[in-house]
Amino acid sequence: MAGMASLFKKPRWRRSSVSETAKPVAAFVVSLVAGVLILVGGLFGVVGWMAWGWVWGGGWRMMGPMMGWWIPMWLSTFSVLGLVSGIVIVASALMLQNRPSEAKTWGTLILVFSVVSLFGMGGFIIGAILGIIGGILALTWKSV
């Protein structure tokens, strides 16, 4: 019977120092979804700026250079802010899953960049809300 028990053990190559239950799975999933939403929102802003920036800026029509030059400038700034925030949140969520011992650091980054993403539309707002929730989950997570 002792030989039978060894059949149900994990192989040595599958054993790890951190068990599967000792990872902040909920914080990872919520933060990853938030980061993807924020990244998509930033991409929509960049595409919108590239497609409609000339029109919003007035082009070379009569009042264009005087009246509307600031609209594409702000849209591009907020879009880039959304892209950067989304990239940092996705990277932080992946690092949160790979290095759960540093959950406080990654949770802080997720929380800060989720709040910052609100200036860039925040991934249709729901991305920023999910990012804030994911950051709080990561900050309050305790290893089992």
N, C-alpha and C. Protein backbone atom coordinates (compact mmCIF):
# COMPACT_ATOMS: atom_id res chain seq x y z
N MET A 1 0.80 -1.19 0.00
CA MET A 1 0.00 0.00 0.00
C MET A 1 0.85 1.27 0.00
N ALA A 2 2.05 1.19 0.52
CA ALA A 2 2.91 2.37 0.53
C ALA A 2 3.24 2.80 -0.89
N GLY A 3 3.34 1.86 -1.77
CA GLY A 3 3.63 2.18 -3.16
C GLY A 3 2.45 2.89 -3.84
N MET A 4 1.25 2.61 -3.39
CA MET A 4 0.06 3.21 -3.94
C MET A 4 -0.01 4.71 -3.59
N ALA A 5 0.43 5.07 -2.40
CA ALA A 5 0.39 6.48 -1.98
C ALA A 5 1.35 7.32 -2.80
N SER A 6 2.44 6.73 -3.24
CA SER A 6 3.41 7.50 -4.03
C SER A 6 2.87 7.81 -5.42
N LEU A 7 1.87 7.09 -5.88
CA LEU A 7 1.27 7.37 -7.18
C LEU A 7 0.49 8.68 -7.18
N PHE A 8 -0.03 9.07 -6.02
CA PHE A 8 -0.86 10.25 -5.93
C PHE A 8 -0.09 11.50 -5.55
N LYS A 9 1.19 11.38 -5.33
CA LYS A 9 2.01 12.55 -5.02
C LYS A 9 2.31 13.31 -6.31
N LYS A 10 2.56 14.60 -6.16
CA LYS A 10 2.97 15.39 -7.32
C LYS A 10 4.38 14.99 -7.73
N PRO A 11 4.63 14.93 -9.02
CA PRO A 11 6.00 14.65 -9.45
C PRO A 11 6.93 15.77 -8.97
N ARG A 12 8.19 15.46 -8.81
CA ARG A 12 9.15 16.45 -8.31
C ARG A 12 9.23 17.67 -9.21
N TRP A 13 9.13 17.49 -10.50
CA TRP A 13 9.24 18.62 -11.41
C TRP A 13 8.02 19.52 -11.34
N ARG A 14 6.90 19.07 -10.75
CA ARG A 14 5.70 19.88 -10.63
C ARG A 14 5.61 20.57 -9.27
N ARG A 15 6.47 20.19 -8.34
CA ARG A 15 6.44 20.81 -7.01
C ARG A 15 7.05 22.19 -7.06
N SER A 16 6.48 23.08 -6.29
CA SER A 16 7.05 24.42 -6.21
C SER A 16 7.06 24.87 -4.77
N SER A 17 7.82 25.92 -4.51
CA SER A 17 7.90 26.42 -3.14
C SER A 17 6.64 27.18 -2.76
N VAL A 18 5.91 27.68 -3.75
CA VAL A 18 4.67 28.39 -3.50
C VAL A 18 3.54 27.51 -4.01
N SER A 19 2.61 27.19 -3.13
CA SER A 19 1.50 26.34 -3.56
C SER A 19 0.53 27.14 -4.42
N GLU A 20 -0.34 26.42 -5.12
CA GLU A 20 -1.28 27.07 -6.02
C GLU A 20 -2.26 27.96 -5.26
N THR A 21 -2.53 27.64 -4.01
CA THR A 21 -3.48 28.44 -3.23
C THR A 21 -2.84 29.67 -2.63
N ALA A 22 -1.54 29.80 -2.73
CA ALA A 22 -0.84 30.93 -2.11
C ALA A 22 -0.58 32.04 -3.11
N LYS A 23 -1.50 32.19 -4.07
CA LYS A 23 -1.36 33.27 -5.05
C LYS A 23 -2.62 34.12 -5.03
N PRO A 24 -2.48 35.41 -5.23
CA PRO A 24 -3.66 36.29 -5.22
C PRO A 24 -4.43 36.21 -6.54
N VAL A 25 -5.16 35.13 -6.75
CA VAL A 25 -5.82 34.86 -8.02
C VAL A 25 -6.88 35.91 -8.33
N ALA A 26 -7.70 36.26 -7.35
CA ALA A 26 -8.78 37.23 -7.60
C ALA A 26 -8.19 38.59 -7.98
N ALA A 27 -7.17 39.02 -7.26
CA ALA A 27 -6.53 40.31 -7.57
C ALA A 27 -5.90 40.27 -8.95
N PHE A 28 -5.30 39.15 -9.30
CA PHE A 28 -4.68 39.00 -10.62
C PHE A 28 -5.71 39.10 -11.74
N VAL A 29 -6.80 38.36 -11.63
CA VAL A 29 -7.81 38.33 -12.70
C VAL A 29 -8.47 39.69 -12.86
N VAL A 30 -8.89 40.30 -11.74
CA VAL A 30 -9.56 41.60 -11.81
C VAL A 30 -8.61 42.66 -12.36
N SER A 31 -7.37 42.64 -11.92
CA SER A 31 -6.39 43.64 -12.40
C SER A 31 -6.05 43.44 -13.87
N LEU A 32 -5.94 42.20 -14.29
CA LEU A 32 -5.63 41.92 -15.69
C LEU A 32 -6.77 42.39 -16.61
N VAL A 33 -8.00 42.12 -16.22
CA VAL A 33 -9.15 42.58 -17.01
C VAL A 33 -9.16 44.11 -17.05
N ALA A 34 -8.89 44.73 -15.91
CA ALA A 34 -8.85 46.20 -15.85
C ALA A 34 -7.77 46.75 -16.78
N GLY A 35 -6.58 46.17 -16.73
CA GLY A 35 -5.49 46.64 -17.58
C GLY A 35 -5.80 46.51 -19.05
N VAL A 36 -6.44 45.41 -19.43
CA VAL A 36 -6.80 45.21 -20.84
C VAL A 36 -7.85 46.25 -21.26
N LEU A 37 -8.85 46.49 -20.42
CA LEU A 37 -9.87 47.50 -20.74
C LEU A 37 -9.25 48.89 -20.88
N ILE A 38 -8.34 49.23 -19.99
CA ILE A 38 -7.69 50.55 -20.04
C ILE A 38 -6.82 50.65 -21.30
N LEU A 39 -6.14 49.57 -21.63
CA LEU A 39 -5.32 49.55 -22.84
C LEU A 39 -6.18 49.70 -24.09
N VAL A 40 -7.30 49.02 -24.15
CA VAL A 40 -8.21 49.13 -25.30
C VAL A 40 -8.77 50.55 -25.39
N GLY A 41 -9.13 51.14 -24.24
CA GLY A 41 -9.61 52.52 -24.23
C GLY A 41 -8.57 53.49 -24.75
N GLY A 42 -7.33 53.29 -24.36
CA GLY A 42 -6.25 54.13 -24.87
C GLY A 42 -6.04 53.96 -26.36
N LEU A 43 -6.15 52.71 -26.84
CA LEU A 43 -6.02 52.46 -28.28
C LEU A 43 -7.15 53.14 -29.06
N PHE A 44 -8.37 53.07 -28.53
CA PHE A 44 -9.48 53.75 -29.19
C PHE A 44 -9.22 55.25 -29.26
N GLY A 45 -8.66 55.81 -28.20
CA GLY A 45 -8.35 57.24 -28.20
C GLY A 45 -7.30 57.59 -29.23
N VAL A 46 -6.27 56.76 -29.36
CA VAL A 46 -5.22 57.03 -30.34
C VAL A 46 -5.77 56.92 -31.76
N VAL A 47 -6.58 55.88 -32.01
CA VAL A 47 -7.16 55.72 -33.33
C VAL A 47 -8.11 56.88 -33.63
N GLY A 48 -8.90 57.28 -32.66
CA GLY A 48 -9.79 58.42 -32.84
C GLY A 48 -9.03 59.70 -33.11
N TRP A 49 -7.93 59.88 -32.40
CA TRP A 49 -7.11 61.08 -32.60
C TRP A 49 -6.50 61.08 -34.00
N MET A 50 -6.02 59.92 -34.43
CA MET A 50 -5.41 59.85 -35.76
C MET A 50 -6.46 60.05 -36.86
N ALA A 51 -7.66 59.53 -36.64
CA ALA A 51 -8.68 59.62 -37.68
C ALA A 51 -9.40 60.97 -37.69
N TRP A 52 -9.65 61.52 -36.51
CA TRP A 52 -10.47 62.73 -36.43
C TRP A 52 -9.73 63.95 -35.90
N GLY A 53 -8.49 63.82 -35.58
CA GLY A 53 -7.74 64.96 -35.04
C GLY A 53 -7.70 66.15 -35.99
N TRP A 54 -7.57 65.88 -37.27
CA TRP A 54 -7.53 66.95 -38.26
C TRP A 54 -8.87 67.69 -38.30
N VAL A 55 -9.95 66.91 -38.21
CA VAL A 55 -11.28 67.51 -38.27
C VAL A 55 -11.54 68.31 -37.00
N TRP A 56 -11.23 67.73 -35.83
CA TRP A 56 -11.47 68.43 -34.58
C TRP A 56 -10.58 69.65 -34.46
N GLY A 57 -9.41 69.57 -35.03
CA GLY A 57 -8.49 70.71 -34.97
C GLY A 57 -8.84 71.79 -35.98
N GLY A 58 -9.81 71.54 -36.82
CA GLY A 58 -10.24 72.55 -37.77
C GLY A 58 -9.49 72.53 -39.08
N GLY A 59 -8.43 71.74 -39.17
CA GLY A 59 -7.66 71.69 -40.40
C GLY A 59 -7.15 73.07 -40.79
N TRP A 60 -7.20 73.36 -42.05
CA TRP A 60 -6.74 74.67 -42.52
C TRP A 60 -7.90 75.56 -42.94
N ARG A 61 -9.09 75.24 -42.40
CA ARG A 61 -10.22 76.10 -42.71
C ARG A 61 -10.06 77.44 -42.02
N MET A 62 -11.02 78.29 -42.18
CA MET A 62 -10.90 79.69 -41.76
C MET A 62 -10.49 79.84 -40.29
N MET A 63 -11.19 79.23 -39.35
CA MET A 63 -10.93 79.45 -37.94
C MET A 63 -10.19 78.27 -37.29
N GLY A 64 -9.84 77.25 -38.05
CA GLY A 64 -9.25 76.04 -37.49
C GLY A 64 -8.00 76.26 -36.66
N PRO A 65 -6.99 76.91 -37.20
CA PRO A 65 -5.77 77.05 -36.43
C PRO A 65 -5.94 77.88 -35.16
N MET A 66 -6.92 78.77 -35.12
CA MET A 66 -7.09 79.61 -33.94
C MET A 66 -7.99 78.97 -32.89
N MET A 67 -9.00 78.22 -33.30
CA MET A 67 -10.02 77.79 -32.37
C MET A 67 -9.87 76.36 -31.85
N GLY A 68 -9.50 75.43 -32.70
CA GLY A 68 -9.60 74.04 -32.29
C GLY A 68 -8.30 73.31 -32.14
N TRP A 69 -7.18 73.97 -32.08
CA TRP A 69 -5.89 73.28 -32.04
C TRP A 69 -5.70 72.49 -30.75
N TRP A 70 -6.34 72.87 -29.68
CA TRP A 70 -6.10 72.23 -28.38
C TRP A 70 -6.85 70.90 -28.24
N ILE A 71 -7.90 70.65 -29.02
CA ILE A 71 -8.67 69.41 -28.86
C ILE A 71 -7.82 68.18 -29.20
N PRO A 72 -7.16 68.12 -30.38
CA PRO A 72 -6.35 66.93 -30.65
C PRO A 72 -5.16 66.80 -29.71
N MET A 73 -4.63 67.93 -29.24
CA MET A 73 -3.51 67.87 -28.31
C MET A 73 -3.92 67.18 -27.01
N TRP A 74 -5.07 67.56 -26.45
CA TRP A 74 -5.53 66.95 -25.21
C TRP A 74 -5.94 65.50 -25.43
N LEU A 75 -6.61 65.23 -26.53
CA LEU A 75 -7.02 63.86 -26.81
C LEU A 75 -5.81 62.94 -26.95
N SER A 76 -4.78 63.40 -27.62
CA SER A 76 -3.59 62.56 -27.76
C SER A 76 -2.88 62.37 -26.43
N THR A 77 -2.83 63.40 -25.61
CA THR A 77 -2.19 63.30 -24.29
C THR A 77 -2.93 62.30 -23.42
N PHE A 78 -4.26 62.39 -23.38
CA PHE A 78 -5.03 61.47 -22.56
C PHE A 78 -4.98 60.05 -23.09
N SER A 79 -4.92 59.90 -24.40
CA SER A 79 -4.82 58.56 -25.00
C SER A 79 -3.49 57.90 -24.65
N VAL A 80 -2.42 58.65 -24.73
CA VAL A 80 -1.10 58.11 -24.37
C VAL A 80 -1.07 57.78 -22.88
N LEU A 81 -1.69 58.61 -22.06
CA LEU A 81 -1.78 58.34 -20.63
C LEU A 81 -2.53 57.03 -20.38
N GLY A 82 -3.61 56.79 -21.14
CA GLY A 82 -4.36 55.55 -21.02
C GLY A 82 -3.54 54.35 -21.47
N LEU A 83 -2.80 54.50 -22.55
CA LEU A 83 -1.95 53.41 -23.02
C LEU A 83 -0.88 53.04 -22.01
N VAL A 84 -0.20 54.04 -21.48
CA VAL A 84 0.86 53.79 -20.50
C VAL A 84 0.28 53.15 -19.24
N SER A 85 -0.85 53.67 -18.77
CA SER A 85 -1.49 53.10 -17.58
C SER A 85 -1.89 51.65 -17.81
N GLY A 86 -2.46 51.37 -18.97
CA GLY A 86 -2.86 50.00 -19.28
C GLY A 86 -1.69 49.05 -19.33
N ILE A 87 -0.60 49.48 -19.93
CA ILE A 87 0.60 48.64 -20.01
C ILE A 87 1.16 48.36 -18.62
N VAL A 88 1.23 49.39 -17.78
CA VAL A 88 1.77 49.21 -16.42
C VAL A 88 0.86 48.30 -15.60
N ILE A 89 -0.46 48.44 -15.75
CA ILE A 89 -1.39 47.61 -14.98
C ILE A 89 -1.32 46.15 -15.43
N VAL A 90 -1.26 45.89 -16.73
CA VAL A 90 -1.14 44.52 -17.22
C VAL A 90 0.18 43.90 -16.74
N ALA A 91 1.27 44.65 -16.85
CA ALA A 91 2.57 44.14 -16.40
C ALA A 91 2.57 43.89 -14.88
N SER A 92 1.96 44.79 -14.12
CA SER A 92 1.89 44.61 -12.67
C SER A 92 1.03 43.41 -12.30
N ALA A 93 -0.07 43.19 -13.02
CA ALA A 93 -0.91 42.02 -12.75
C ALA A 93 -0.16 40.73 -13.04
N LEU A 94 0.59 40.70 -14.13
CA LEU A 94 1.39 39.51 -14.44
C LEU A 94 2.47 39.27 -13.40
N MET A 95 3.10 40.35 -12.94
CA MET A 95 4.12 40.21 -11.90
C MET A 95 3.50 39.81 -10.56
N LEU A 96 2.28 40.26 -10.32
CA LEU A 96 1.56 39.87 -9.10
C LEU A 96 1.34 38.37 -9.08
N GLN A 97 1.03 37.80 -10.22
CA GLN A 97 0.82 36.35 -10.31
C GLN A 97 2.15 35.60 -10.19
N ASN A 98 3.22 36.14 -10.77
CA ASN A 98 4.51 35.45 -10.76
C ASN A 98 5.29 35.65 -9.47
N ARG A 99 5.13 36.78 -8.83
CA ARG A 99 5.85 37.07 -7.58
C ARG A 99 4.86 37.50 -6.49
N PRO A 100 4.10 36.57 -5.96
CA PRO A 100 3.10 36.93 -4.96
C PRO A 100 3.68 37.47 -3.66
N SER A 101 4.95 37.19 -3.41
CA SER A 101 5.57 37.72 -2.18
C SER A 101 5.71 39.24 -2.23
N GLU A 102 5.66 39.82 -3.43
CA GLU A 102 5.76 41.28 -3.60
C GLU A 102 4.39 41.88 -3.93
N ALA A 103 3.34 41.30 -3.37
CA ALA A 103 1.97 41.71 -3.70
C ALA A 103 1.70 43.17 -3.34
N LYS A 104 2.30 43.66 -2.28
CA LYS A 104 2.08 45.06 -1.87
C LYS A 104 2.62 46.02 -2.93
N THR A 105 3.77 45.74 -3.48
CA THR A 105 4.37 46.60 -4.51
C THR A 105 3.50 46.62 -5.75
N TRP A 106 3.11 45.44 -6.24
CA TRP A 106 2.32 45.36 -7.46
C TRP A 106 0.92 45.91 -7.24
N GLY A 107 0.36 45.69 -6.05
CA GLY A 107 -0.95 46.24 -5.74
C GLY A 107 -0.94 47.76 -5.71
N THR A 108 0.15 48.33 -5.19
CA THR A 108 0.28 49.78 -5.17
C THR A 108 0.37 50.34 -6.58
N LEU A 109 1.18 49.70 -7.43
CA LEU A 109 1.28 50.15 -8.83
C LEU A 109 -0.06 50.05 -9.55
N ILE A 110 -0.78 48.96 -9.34
CA ILE A 110 -2.08 48.79 -9.98
C ILE A 110 -3.05 49.87 -9.51
N LEU A 111 -3.06 50.13 -8.22
CA LEU A 111 -3.96 51.14 -7.66
C LEU A 111 -3.64 52.54 -8.17
N VAL A 112 -2.37 52.91 -8.16
CA VAL A 112 -1.96 54.26 -8.59
C VAL A 112 -2.26 54.46 -10.07
N PHE A 113 -1.90 53.50 -10.91
CA PHE A 113 -2.11 53.70 -12.34
C PHE A 113 -3.58 53.54 -12.75
N SER A 114 -4.37 52.87 -11.93
CA SER A 114 -5.81 52.84 -12.18
C SER A 114 -6.43 54.21 -11.93
N VAL A 115 -5.98 54.87 -10.87
CA VAL A 115 -6.47 56.23 -10.59
C VAL A 115 -5.97 57.19 -11.67
N VAL A 116 -4.72 57.05 -12.08
CA VAL A 116 -4.17 57.90 -13.14
C VAL A 116 -4.93 57.68 -14.45
N SER A 117 -5.35 56.45 -14.71
CA SER A 117 -6.05 56.16 -15.97
C SER A 117 -7.40 56.87 -16.06
N LEU A 118 -7.94 57.31 -14.95
CA LEU A 118 -9.20 58.04 -14.99
C LEU A 118 -9.09 59.31 -15.83
N PHE A 119 -7.89 59.88 -15.91
CA PHE A 119 -7.69 61.06 -16.75
C PHE A 119 -7.73 60.70 -18.23
N GLY A 120 -7.43 59.47 -18.56
CA GLY A 120 -7.46 59.01 -19.95
C GLY A 120 -8.67 58.16 -20.24
N MET A 121 -9.79 58.45 -19.66
CA MET A 121 -11.07 57.76 -19.81
C MET A 121 -11.12 56.46 -19.01
N GLY A 122 -10.05 56.00 -18.47
CA GLY A 122 -10.03 54.86 -17.56
C GLY A 122 -10.59 53.56 -18.08
N GLY A 123 -10.35 53.25 -19.34
CA GLY A 123 -10.85 51.99 -19.88
C GLY A 123 -12.36 51.92 -19.82
N PHE A 124 -12.99 52.96 -20.35
CA PHE A 124 -14.45 53.08 -20.35
C PHE A 124 -14.99 53.16 -18.93
N ILE A 125 -14.23 53.74 -18.04
CA ILE A 125 -14.51 53.94 -16.62
C ILE A 125 -14.53 52.62 -15.85
N ILE A 126 -15.13 51.59 -16.38
CA ILE A 126 -15.20 50.30 -15.70
C ILE A 126 -13.80 49.71 -15.50
N GLY A 127 -12.88 49.98 -16.42
CA GLY A 127 -11.51 49.49 -16.27
C GLY A 127 -10.82 50.11 -15.06
N ALA A 128 -11.03 51.41 -14.86
CA ALA A 128 -10.42 52.07 -13.70
C ALA A 128 -11.04 51.55 -12.40
N ILE A 129 -12.36 51.33 -12.40
CA ILE A 129 -13.02 50.82 -11.20
C ILE A 129 -12.51 49.42 -10.88
N LEU A 130 -12.42 48.57 -11.89
CA LEU A 130 -11.89 47.22 -11.67
C LEU A 130 -10.43 47.26 -11.23
N GLY A 131 -9.65 48.19 -11.79
CA GLY A 131 -8.25 48.33 -11.38
C GLY A 131 -8.11 48.75 -9.93
N ILE A 132 -8.96 49.65 -9.50
CA ILE A 132 -8.93 50.07 -8.10
C ILE A 132 -9.30 48.90 -7.19
N ILE A 133 -10.32 48.14 -7.58
CA ILE A 133 -10.70 46.95 -6.80
C ILE A 133 -9.56 45.93 -6.79
N GLY A 134 -8.95 45.67 -7.95
CA GLY A 134 -7.84 44.72 -8.02
C GLY A 134 -6.64 45.16 -7.20
N GLY A 135 -6.34 46.47 -7.23
CA GLY A 135 -5.23 46.99 -6.42
C GLY A 135 -5.49 46.82 -4.94
N ILE A 136 -6.73 47.08 -4.52
CA ILE A 136 -7.08 46.91 -3.10
C ILE A 136 -7.02 45.44 -2.71
N LEU A 137 -7.51 44.56 -3.60
CA LEU A 137 -7.41 43.11 -3.32
C LEU A 137 -5.96 42.67 -3.17
N ALA A 138 -5.09 43.20 -4.02
CA ALA A 138 -3.66 42.84 -3.94
C ALA A 138 -3.03 43.38 -2.66
N LEU A 139 -3.41 44.58 -2.27
CA LEU A 139 -2.83 45.17 -1.06
C LEU A 139 -3.29 44.46 0.21
N THR A 140 -4.52 43.94 0.21
CA THR A 140 -5.04 43.29 1.40
C THR A 140 -4.81 41.77 1.40
N TRP A 141 -4.23 41.23 0.33
CA TRP A 141 -4.00 39.80 0.23
C TRP A 141 -2.94 39.36 1.22
N LYS A 142 -3.19 38.21 1.86
CA LYS A 142 -2.21 37.61 2.78
C LYS A 142 -1.94 36.18 2.34
N SER A 143 -0.68 35.81 2.36
CA SER A 143 -0.29 34.46 1.98
C SER A 143 -0.84 33.45 2.99
N VAL A 144 -1.23 32.29 2.47
CA VAL A 144 -1.80 31.25 3.34
C VAL A 144 -0.69 30.44 3.94
